[in-house]
N, C-alpha and C. Protein backbone atom coordinates (compact mmCIF):
# COMPACT_ATOMS: atom_id res chain seq x y z
N MET A 1 165.17 120.07 91.36
CA MET A 1 165.04 120.52 92.73
C MET A 1 163.56 120.72 93.05
N PHE A 2 163.17 120.24 94.22
CA PHE A 2 161.79 120.38 94.66
C PHE A 2 161.59 121.77 95.27
N LYS A 3 160.33 122.18 95.35
CA LYS A 3 159.99 123.47 95.91
C LYS A 3 159.25 123.28 97.23
N VAL A 4 159.28 124.32 98.07
CA VAL A 4 158.52 124.29 99.30
C VAL A 4 157.04 124.10 98.93
N GLY A 5 156.39 123.18 99.63
CA GLY A 5 154.99 122.87 99.35
C GLY A 5 154.79 121.64 98.48
N ASP A 6 155.86 121.18 97.81
CA ASP A 6 155.75 119.97 96.97
C ASP A 6 155.55 118.74 97.84
N PHE A 7 154.78 117.79 97.31
CA PHE A 7 154.69 116.46 97.90
C PHE A 7 155.63 115.58 97.12
N ILE A 8 156.47 114.85 97.83
CA ILE A 8 157.43 113.97 97.17
C ILE A 8 157.37 112.58 97.80
N VAL A 9 157.92 111.62 97.09
CA VAL A 9 158.09 110.28 97.65
C VAL A 9 159.54 110.18 98.10
N TYR A 10 159.71 109.88 99.36
CA TYR A 10 161.04 109.74 99.95
C TYR A 10 161.25 108.27 100.23
N GLU A 11 162.30 107.72 99.68
CA GLU A 11 162.59 106.28 99.66
C GLU A 11 162.01 105.46 100.82
N SER A 12 162.45 105.72 102.01
CA SER A 12 162.08 104.83 103.11
C SER A 12 160.89 105.32 103.93
N ARG A 13 160.41 106.50 103.67
CA ARG A 13 159.36 107.06 104.52
C ARG A 13 158.06 107.35 103.81
N GLY A 14 158.00 107.14 102.51
CA GLY A 14 156.77 107.38 101.79
C GLY A 14 156.57 108.84 101.42
N ILE A 15 155.32 109.28 101.43
CA ILE A 15 154.98 110.63 101.01
C ILE A 15 155.39 111.64 102.07
N CYS A 16 156.11 112.66 101.62
CA CYS A 16 156.54 113.75 102.50
C CYS A 16 156.21 115.07 101.82
N LYS A 17 156.02 116.08 102.65
CA LYS A 17 155.82 117.43 102.14
C LYS A 17 157.09 118.22 102.39
N VAL A 18 157.55 118.94 101.37
CA VAL A 18 158.72 119.80 101.52
C VAL A 18 158.26 121.04 102.27
N GLU A 19 158.69 121.15 103.52
CA GLU A 19 158.27 122.28 104.35
C GLU A 19 159.22 123.46 104.26
N ASN A 20 160.49 123.18 103.95
CA ASN A 20 161.46 124.25 103.90
C ASN A 20 162.70 123.76 103.16
N ILE A 21 163.46 124.70 102.63
CA ILE A 21 164.78 124.41 102.08
C ILE A 21 165.72 125.35 102.82
N THR A 22 166.65 124.76 103.57
CA THR A 22 167.42 125.56 104.51
C THR A 22 168.85 125.04 104.63
N GLU A 23 169.66 125.80 105.31
CA GLU A 23 170.99 125.35 105.70
C GLU A 23 170.90 124.91 107.15
N LEU A 24 171.62 123.87 107.51
CA LEU A 24 171.61 123.38 108.88
C LEU A 24 172.83 123.88 109.62
N ASN A 25 172.62 124.32 110.82
CA ASN A 25 173.71 124.75 111.68
C ASN A 25 173.89 123.71 112.77
N LEU A 26 174.29 122.51 112.34
CA LEU A 26 174.45 121.38 113.25
C LEU A 26 175.82 120.75 113.05
N PRO A 27 176.35 120.12 114.09
CA PRO A 27 177.62 119.40 113.92
C PRO A 27 177.47 118.33 112.83
N GLY A 28 178.42 118.26 111.94
CA GLY A 28 178.38 117.27 110.87
C GLY A 28 177.73 117.77 109.59
N ALA A 29 176.98 118.84 109.67
CA ALA A 29 176.33 119.40 108.47
C ALA A 29 177.35 120.27 107.73
N THR A 30 177.40 120.11 106.43
CA THR A 30 178.32 120.88 105.61
C THR A 30 177.85 122.33 105.53
N LYS A 31 178.76 123.25 105.83
CA LYS A 31 178.42 124.67 105.80
C LYS A 31 178.06 125.08 104.36
N GLY A 32 176.96 125.80 104.21
CA GLY A 32 176.51 126.25 102.90
C GLY A 32 175.68 125.22 102.15
N GLN A 33 175.57 124.02 102.67
CA GLN A 33 174.80 122.94 102.03
C GLN A 33 173.31 123.18 102.25
N LYS A 34 172.53 123.06 101.21
CA LYS A 34 171.07 123.21 101.31
C LYS A 34 170.45 121.85 101.63
N TYR A 35 169.44 121.87 102.50
CA TYR A 35 168.73 120.66 102.92
C TYR A 35 167.24 120.85 102.74
N TYR A 36 166.57 119.76 102.33
CA TYR A 36 165.11 119.75 102.37
C TYR A 36 164.70 119.43 103.79
N GLU A 37 163.75 120.19 104.30
CA GLU A 37 163.10 119.83 105.56
C GLU A 37 161.79 119.18 105.16
N LEU A 38 161.68 117.89 105.43
CA LEU A 38 160.54 117.10 104.98
C LEU A 38 159.69 116.67 106.16
N LYS A 39 158.39 116.69 105.97
CA LYS A 39 157.44 116.21 106.97
C LYS A 39 156.71 115.02 106.37
N PRO A 40 156.93 113.81 106.94
CA PRO A 40 156.17 112.65 106.46
C PRO A 40 154.67 112.91 106.65
N VAL A 41 153.89 112.71 105.60
CA VAL A 41 152.47 113.05 105.61
C VAL A 41 151.67 112.16 106.56
N TYR A 42 152.00 110.88 106.61
CA TYR A 42 151.20 109.94 107.39
C TYR A 42 151.82 109.58 108.73
N GLU A 43 152.68 110.45 109.25
CA GLU A 43 153.25 110.27 110.58
C GLU A 43 153.00 111.55 111.37
N GLU A 44 152.54 111.38 112.59
CA GLU A 44 152.26 112.54 113.43
C GLU A 44 153.52 113.33 113.76
N ALA A 45 154.54 112.62 114.18
CA ALA A 45 155.77 113.29 114.61
C ALA A 45 156.87 112.99 113.60
N GLY A 46 157.88 113.82 113.63
CA GLY A 46 159.05 113.53 112.83
C GLY A 46 159.27 114.50 111.69
N LYS A 47 160.53 114.75 111.47
CA LYS A 47 160.99 115.56 110.34
C LYS A 47 162.19 114.84 109.77
N ILE A 48 162.41 115.04 108.50
CA ILE A 48 163.57 114.48 107.82
C ILE A 48 164.34 115.65 107.22
N TYR A 49 165.63 115.62 107.39
CA TYR A 49 166.49 116.59 106.72
C TYR A 49 167.33 115.81 105.73
N SER A 50 167.24 116.17 104.47
CA SER A 50 167.97 115.48 103.43
C SER A 50 168.63 116.51 102.52
N ALA A 51 169.91 116.30 102.27
CA ALA A 51 170.64 117.24 101.41
C ALA A 51 169.96 117.32 100.04
N VAL A 52 169.87 118.52 99.52
CA VAL A 52 169.23 118.75 98.23
C VAL A 52 169.92 117.92 97.14
N ASP A 53 171.24 117.81 97.23
CA ASP A 53 171.98 117.07 96.19
C ASP A 53 172.28 115.62 96.62
N ASN A 54 171.51 115.10 97.56
CA ASN A 54 171.69 113.73 98.05
C ASN A 54 171.38 112.74 96.94
N ASP A 55 172.37 111.95 96.54
CA ASP A 55 172.14 110.95 95.51
C ASP A 55 172.11 109.54 96.08
N LYS A 56 172.13 109.43 97.41
CA LYS A 56 172.10 108.11 98.07
C LYS A 56 170.68 107.70 98.42
N VAL A 57 169.79 108.66 98.51
CA VAL A 57 168.40 108.38 98.85
C VAL A 57 167.54 108.77 97.66
N LEU A 58 166.65 107.88 97.28
CA LEU A 58 165.79 108.15 96.14
C LEU A 58 164.62 109.04 96.58
N MET A 59 164.48 110.15 95.92
CA MET A 59 163.36 111.06 96.12
C MET A 59 162.80 111.37 94.74
N ARG A 60 161.48 111.39 94.64
CA ARG A 60 160.88 111.73 93.36
C ARG A 60 159.60 112.51 93.58
N GLN A 61 159.22 113.23 92.53
CA GLN A 61 157.95 113.97 92.53
C GLN A 61 156.81 112.96 92.64
N MET A 62 155.81 113.30 93.39
CA MET A 62 154.63 112.45 93.53
C MET A 62 153.85 112.42 92.22
N LEU A 63 153.08 111.37 92.00
CA LEU A 63 152.23 111.28 90.81
C LEU A 63 151.21 112.42 90.78
N THR A 64 150.88 112.84 89.58
CA THR A 64 149.77 113.78 89.41
C THR A 64 148.47 112.98 89.42
N GLY A 65 147.35 113.67 89.47
CA GLY A 65 146.06 113.00 89.42
C GLY A 65 145.89 112.17 88.14
N ASP A 66 146.29 112.74 87.00
CA ASP A 66 146.17 112.01 85.73
C ASP A 66 147.08 110.79 85.70
N GLU A 67 148.29 110.92 86.24
CA GLU A 67 149.21 109.78 86.29
C GLU A 67 148.67 108.69 87.22
N ALA A 68 148.05 109.10 88.32
CA ALA A 68 147.46 108.14 89.26
C ALA A 68 146.32 107.37 88.59
N LYS A 69 145.47 108.08 87.86
CA LYS A 69 144.37 107.41 87.15
C LYS A 69 144.89 106.46 86.08
N ALA A 70 145.93 106.87 85.37
CA ALA A 70 146.52 106.00 84.33
C ALA A 70 147.13 104.75 84.97
N LEU A 71 147.76 104.90 86.13
CA LEU A 71 148.33 103.74 86.83
C LEU A 71 147.22 102.78 87.22
N ILE A 72 146.13 103.28 87.77
CA ILE A 72 145.01 102.43 88.18
C ILE A 72 144.44 101.71 86.96
N ASP A 73 144.30 102.41 85.85
CA ASP A 73 143.81 101.78 84.62
C ASP A 73 144.71 100.64 84.18
N ASP A 74 146.01 100.77 84.45
CA ASP A 74 146.99 99.80 83.98
C ASP A 74 147.24 98.64 84.95
N ILE A 75 146.64 98.67 86.12
CA ILE A 75 146.87 97.62 87.12
C ILE A 75 146.69 96.21 86.55
N PRO A 76 145.65 95.95 85.74
CA PRO A 76 145.52 94.58 85.20
C PRO A 76 146.71 94.14 84.33
N ASN A 77 147.44 95.08 83.78
CA ASN A 77 148.57 94.76 82.90
C ASN A 77 149.91 94.65 83.63
N ILE A 78 149.94 95.03 84.89
CA ILE A 78 151.19 94.98 85.66
C ILE A 78 151.41 93.55 86.13
N PRO A 79 152.54 92.96 85.77
CA PRO A 79 152.76 91.55 86.10
C PRO A 79 153.05 91.33 87.59
N GLU A 80 152.73 90.13 88.05
CA GLU A 80 153.07 89.74 89.41
C GLU A 80 154.58 89.52 89.48
N MET A 81 155.07 89.41 90.70
CA MET A 81 156.50 89.26 90.95
C MET A 81 156.75 87.89 91.57
N TRP A 82 156.64 86.84 90.78
CA TRP A 82 156.80 85.49 91.34
C TRP A 82 158.26 85.16 91.51
N ILE A 83 158.62 84.79 92.73
CA ILE A 83 159.99 84.41 93.06
C ILE A 83 159.90 83.14 93.91
N GLY A 84 160.48 82.05 93.44
CA GLY A 84 160.35 80.78 94.13
C GLY A 84 161.14 80.68 95.41
N ASP A 85 162.33 81.21 95.45
CA ASP A 85 163.22 81.09 96.60
C ASP A 85 162.83 82.08 97.69
N GLU A 86 162.58 81.57 98.91
CA GLU A 86 162.14 82.43 100.03
C GLU A 86 163.11 83.57 100.32
N LYS A 87 164.41 83.28 100.35
CA LYS A 87 165.39 84.32 100.66
C LYS A 87 165.46 85.36 99.55
N GLN A 88 165.39 84.92 98.31
CA GLN A 88 165.40 85.85 97.18
C GLN A 88 164.14 86.71 97.16
N ARG A 89 163.03 86.13 97.60
CA ARG A 89 161.75 86.85 97.59
C ARG A 89 161.86 88.12 98.42
N GLU A 90 162.35 88.01 99.65
CA GLU A 90 162.43 89.19 100.51
C GLU A 90 163.40 90.22 99.93
N LEU A 91 164.51 89.78 99.36
CA LEU A 91 165.46 90.71 98.74
C LEU A 91 164.79 91.47 97.59
N LYS A 92 164.02 90.75 96.79
CA LYS A 92 163.32 91.40 95.66
C LYS A 92 162.27 92.38 96.17
N TYR A 93 161.57 92.02 97.23
CA TYR A 93 160.57 92.92 97.79
C TYR A 93 161.24 94.20 98.31
N LYS A 94 162.36 94.04 99.03
CA LYS A 94 163.09 95.21 99.54
C LYS A 94 163.54 96.11 98.40
N GLU A 95 164.08 95.50 97.38
CA GLU A 95 164.55 96.24 96.21
C GLU A 95 163.39 97.00 95.55
N ALA A 96 162.26 96.34 95.42
CA ALA A 96 161.09 96.97 94.80
C ALA A 96 160.57 98.13 95.66
N MET A 97 160.59 97.95 96.98
CA MET A 97 160.13 99.03 97.86
C MET A 97 161.06 100.22 97.77
N ARG A 98 162.37 99.98 97.73
CA ARG A 98 163.34 101.06 97.65
C ARG A 98 163.30 101.79 96.32
N SER A 99 162.74 101.17 95.30
CA SER A 99 162.70 101.78 93.97
C SER A 99 161.78 103.00 93.92
N CYS A 100 160.85 103.09 94.87
CA CYS A 100 159.85 104.18 94.89
C CYS A 100 159.00 104.18 93.62
N ASP A 101 158.86 103.04 93.00
CA ASP A 101 158.12 102.90 91.76
C ASP A 101 156.75 102.30 92.05
N CYS A 102 155.71 103.06 91.79
CA CYS A 102 154.34 102.61 92.06
C CYS A 102 154.02 101.29 91.36
N ARG A 103 154.54 101.11 90.17
CA ARG A 103 154.28 99.87 89.43
C ARG A 103 154.88 98.67 90.17
N GLN A 104 156.03 98.87 90.79
CA GLN A 104 156.65 97.80 91.59
C GLN A 104 155.80 97.51 92.83
N TRP A 105 155.25 98.56 93.44
CA TRP A 105 154.39 98.36 94.60
C TRP A 105 153.14 97.58 94.22
N VAL A 106 152.55 97.91 93.06
CA VAL A 106 151.38 97.18 92.58
C VAL A 106 151.74 95.71 92.35
N SER A 107 152.90 95.47 91.78
CA SER A 107 153.36 94.11 91.52
C SER A 107 153.47 93.31 92.82
N ILE A 108 154.03 93.92 93.85
CA ILE A 108 154.13 93.26 95.16
C ILE A 108 152.74 92.95 95.70
N ILE A 109 151.85 93.92 95.65
CA ILE A 109 150.50 93.75 96.19
C ILE A 109 149.77 92.62 95.45
N LYS A 110 149.83 92.63 94.13
CA LYS A 110 149.18 91.57 93.35
C LYS A 110 149.75 90.20 93.69
N THR A 111 151.07 90.13 93.75
CA THR A 111 151.74 88.87 94.04
C THR A 111 151.34 88.34 95.42
N LEU A 112 151.40 89.20 96.40
CA LEU A 112 151.13 88.76 97.77
C LEU A 112 149.65 88.48 98.00
N TYR A 113 148.79 89.17 97.30
CA TYR A 113 147.36 88.87 97.39
C TYR A 113 147.10 87.45 96.87
N LEU A 114 147.64 87.15 95.70
CA LEU A 114 147.45 85.82 95.11
C LEU A 114 148.13 84.73 95.96
N ARG A 115 149.31 85.05 96.46
CA ARG A 115 150.04 84.09 97.31
C ARG A 115 149.24 83.82 98.60
N ARG A 116 148.65 84.88 99.17
CA ARG A 116 147.83 84.72 100.38
C ARG A 116 146.63 83.82 100.09
N GLN A 117 145.95 84.08 98.98
CA GLN A 117 144.78 83.27 98.62
C GLN A 117 145.17 81.80 98.44
N ASP A 118 146.31 81.56 97.80
CA ASP A 118 146.78 80.19 97.57
C ASP A 118 147.10 79.50 98.90
N ARG A 119 147.80 80.18 99.78
CA ARG A 119 148.17 79.58 101.07
C ARG A 119 146.93 79.27 101.89
N ILE A 120 145.98 80.18 101.92
CA ILE A 120 144.75 79.97 102.68
C ILE A 120 143.97 78.79 102.12
N SER A 121 143.91 78.69 100.79
CA SER A 121 143.17 77.58 100.17
C SER A 121 143.81 76.22 100.46
N HIS A 122 145.10 76.23 100.82
CA HIS A 122 145.80 74.99 101.16
C HIS A 122 145.94 74.82 102.67
N GLY A 123 145.17 75.61 103.43
CA GLY A 123 145.18 75.49 104.88
C GLY A 123 146.42 76.02 105.56
N LYS A 124 147.15 76.88 104.88
CA LYS A 124 148.38 77.45 105.45
C LYS A 124 148.14 78.89 105.87
N LYS A 125 148.97 79.35 106.82
CA LYS A 125 148.92 80.75 107.23
C LYS A 125 149.83 81.56 106.32
N THR A 126 149.58 82.86 106.30
CA THR A 126 150.48 83.74 105.55
C THR A 126 151.76 83.92 106.37
N THR A 127 152.83 84.30 105.70
CA THR A 127 154.09 84.50 106.42
C THR A 127 154.19 85.95 106.91
N ASN A 128 154.97 86.15 107.95
CA ASN A 128 155.18 87.51 108.47
C ASN A 128 155.81 88.41 107.42
N THR A 129 156.75 87.86 106.65
CA THR A 129 157.40 88.64 105.60
C THR A 129 156.38 89.10 104.57
N ASP A 130 155.54 88.18 104.12
CA ASP A 130 154.51 88.53 103.14
C ASP A 130 153.57 89.59 103.70
N ASP A 131 153.12 89.40 104.94
CA ASP A 131 152.21 90.37 105.55
C ASP A 131 152.84 91.75 105.66
N ARG A 132 154.12 91.78 106.06
CA ARG A 132 154.83 93.05 106.24
C ARG A 132 154.95 93.81 104.91
N TYR A 133 155.36 93.10 103.84
CA TYR A 133 155.53 93.77 102.56
C TYR A 133 154.20 94.11 101.90
N PHE A 134 153.18 93.30 102.11
CA PHE A 134 151.85 93.61 101.60
C PHE A 134 151.36 94.93 102.21
N LYS A 135 151.54 95.07 103.53
CA LYS A 135 151.12 96.29 104.21
C LYS A 135 151.96 97.49 103.78
N LYS A 136 153.26 97.30 103.70
CA LYS A 136 154.16 98.40 103.34
C LYS A 136 153.88 98.90 101.92
N ALA A 137 153.76 97.98 100.98
CA ALA A 137 153.47 98.36 99.59
C ALA A 137 152.10 99.03 99.49
N GLY A 138 151.12 98.47 100.20
CA GLY A 138 149.78 99.06 100.19
C GLY A 138 149.76 100.44 100.80
N ASP A 139 150.45 100.62 101.93
CA ASP A 139 150.50 101.93 102.57
C ASP A 139 151.13 102.97 101.64
N ASN A 140 152.24 102.61 101.02
CA ASN A 140 152.92 103.56 100.12
C ASN A 140 152.04 103.89 98.91
N LEU A 141 151.50 102.87 98.28
CA LEU A 141 150.67 103.08 97.08
C LEU A 141 149.42 103.88 97.43
N HIS A 142 148.70 103.45 98.45
CA HIS A 142 147.45 104.11 98.81
C HIS A 142 147.69 105.54 99.28
N GLY A 143 148.80 105.75 99.99
CA GLY A 143 149.12 107.11 100.43
C GLY A 143 149.36 108.05 99.28
N GLU A 144 150.12 107.59 98.30
CA GLU A 144 150.41 108.44 97.15
C GLU A 144 149.16 108.68 96.31
N LEU A 145 148.40 107.63 96.06
CA LEU A 145 147.19 107.79 95.25
C LEU A 145 146.16 108.68 95.95
N ALA A 146 146.07 108.58 97.27
CA ALA A 146 145.12 109.40 98.01
C ALA A 146 145.39 110.88 97.80
N ILE A 147 146.64 111.27 97.94
CA ILE A 147 146.97 112.69 97.77
C ILE A 147 146.78 113.10 96.31
N ALA A 148 147.23 112.26 95.38
CA ALA A 148 147.12 112.59 93.96
C ALA A 148 145.66 112.73 93.52
N LEU A 149 144.79 111.92 94.11
CA LEU A 149 143.38 111.92 93.70
C LEU A 149 142.49 112.74 94.63
N GLY A 150 143.08 113.35 95.66
CA GLY A 150 142.32 114.20 96.56
C GLY A 150 141.31 113.45 97.40
N MET A 151 141.72 112.31 97.95
CA MET A 151 140.81 111.54 98.79
C MET A 151 141.55 111.05 100.03
N GLU A 152 140.82 110.44 100.92
CA GLU A 152 141.42 109.87 102.12
C GLU A 152 142.12 108.56 101.77
N LYS A 153 143.20 108.28 102.46
CA LYS A 153 143.96 107.04 102.23
C LYS A 153 143.06 105.82 102.42
N SER A 154 142.15 105.87 103.37
CA SER A 154 141.26 104.75 103.66
C SER A 154 140.25 104.48 102.54
N GLU A 155 140.08 105.42 101.63
CA GLU A 155 139.11 105.27 100.53
C GLU A 155 139.74 104.70 99.26
N VAL A 156 141.06 104.64 99.20
CA VAL A 156 141.75 104.32 97.96
C VAL A 156 141.50 102.89 97.49
N GLU A 157 141.59 101.93 98.40
CA GLU A 157 141.43 100.52 97.99
C GLU A 157 140.05 100.29 97.38
N GLU A 158 139.02 100.83 98.02
CA GLU A 158 137.66 100.69 97.49
C GLU A 158 137.54 101.39 96.13
N TYR A 159 138.15 102.55 96.00
CA TYR A 159 138.13 103.29 94.73
C TYR A 159 138.78 102.46 93.62
N ILE A 160 139.94 101.87 93.91
CA ILE A 160 140.64 101.05 92.90
C ILE A 160 139.79 99.86 92.50
N CYS A 161 139.25 99.15 93.49
CA CYS A 161 138.43 97.96 93.19
C CYS A 161 137.20 98.33 92.36
N GLY A 162 136.53 99.42 92.73
CA GLY A 162 135.36 99.87 91.97
C GLY A 162 135.72 100.25 90.56
N HIS A 163 136.84 100.93 90.40
CA HIS A 163 137.29 101.36 89.08
C HIS A 163 137.63 100.14 88.21
N LEU A 164 138.35 99.19 88.77
CA LEU A 164 138.71 97.99 88.01
C LEU A 164 137.47 97.15 87.66
N ASP A 165 136.49 97.10 88.57
CA ASP A 165 135.24 96.38 88.26
C ASP A 165 134.54 97.03 87.07
N ARG A 166 134.52 98.36 87.02
CA ARG A 166 133.87 99.06 85.90
C ARG A 166 134.61 98.81 84.59
N LEU A 167 135.93 98.69 84.65
CA LEU A 167 136.71 98.41 83.44
C LEU A 167 136.39 97.05 82.85
N GLN A 168 136.03 96.10 83.72
CA GLN A 168 135.76 94.73 83.27
C GLN A 168 134.35 94.57 82.72
N GLU A 169 133.48 95.54 82.97
CA GLU A 169 132.09 95.44 82.50
C GLU A 169 131.99 95.62 81.01
C-alpha cells in the first residue's frame, strides 16, 4: 500500500503523487472501499481515484535515485525491440507502455531512435505510430527519472546523453 506523499507510476497516466487515501461517497463506489486520490505530476488539471486493492491497473513505486542511476548506467545493455510486422509492432509498443517498466520504455526509445535514423537515411518520413510511442515512452521515462534524480524533466535527456558519453570514454 502506498502512503500519502508517495510518487508512483500509474499505468496510463505516468507519474502521480498520492494526495490522499479516502473513501468515496459517490454513486457506484463501494461503501467502505479505500481509494487513492492521485494527482498526475505533469498535468495541470485532473485527479485520479483508484481503489487501493485495484488489480486491473498497474501501479508501482517510483524508482529511487540510486535505481534511476543504475538504469541509466545499464541503457547500453538494454536490447532494442525489433518487430518486423507493422501491426504487431504497435501491439508490442502498447504492451510495453502498459508494463510501467522503465527498461521497456528504454527499449522502445532505442528502437524508434534507430528506426527513425534508418528511415531518414533512406529518404522516408517517420510514421505517426513511431512518433507517438517515441514521445510517450520518452515522456514517461524522463518524467520518472527527473523526479528520482531531483531535476527538471527537460534536463533529463541531456543528462542521460552526457552520462553515457562519459561511460564510453
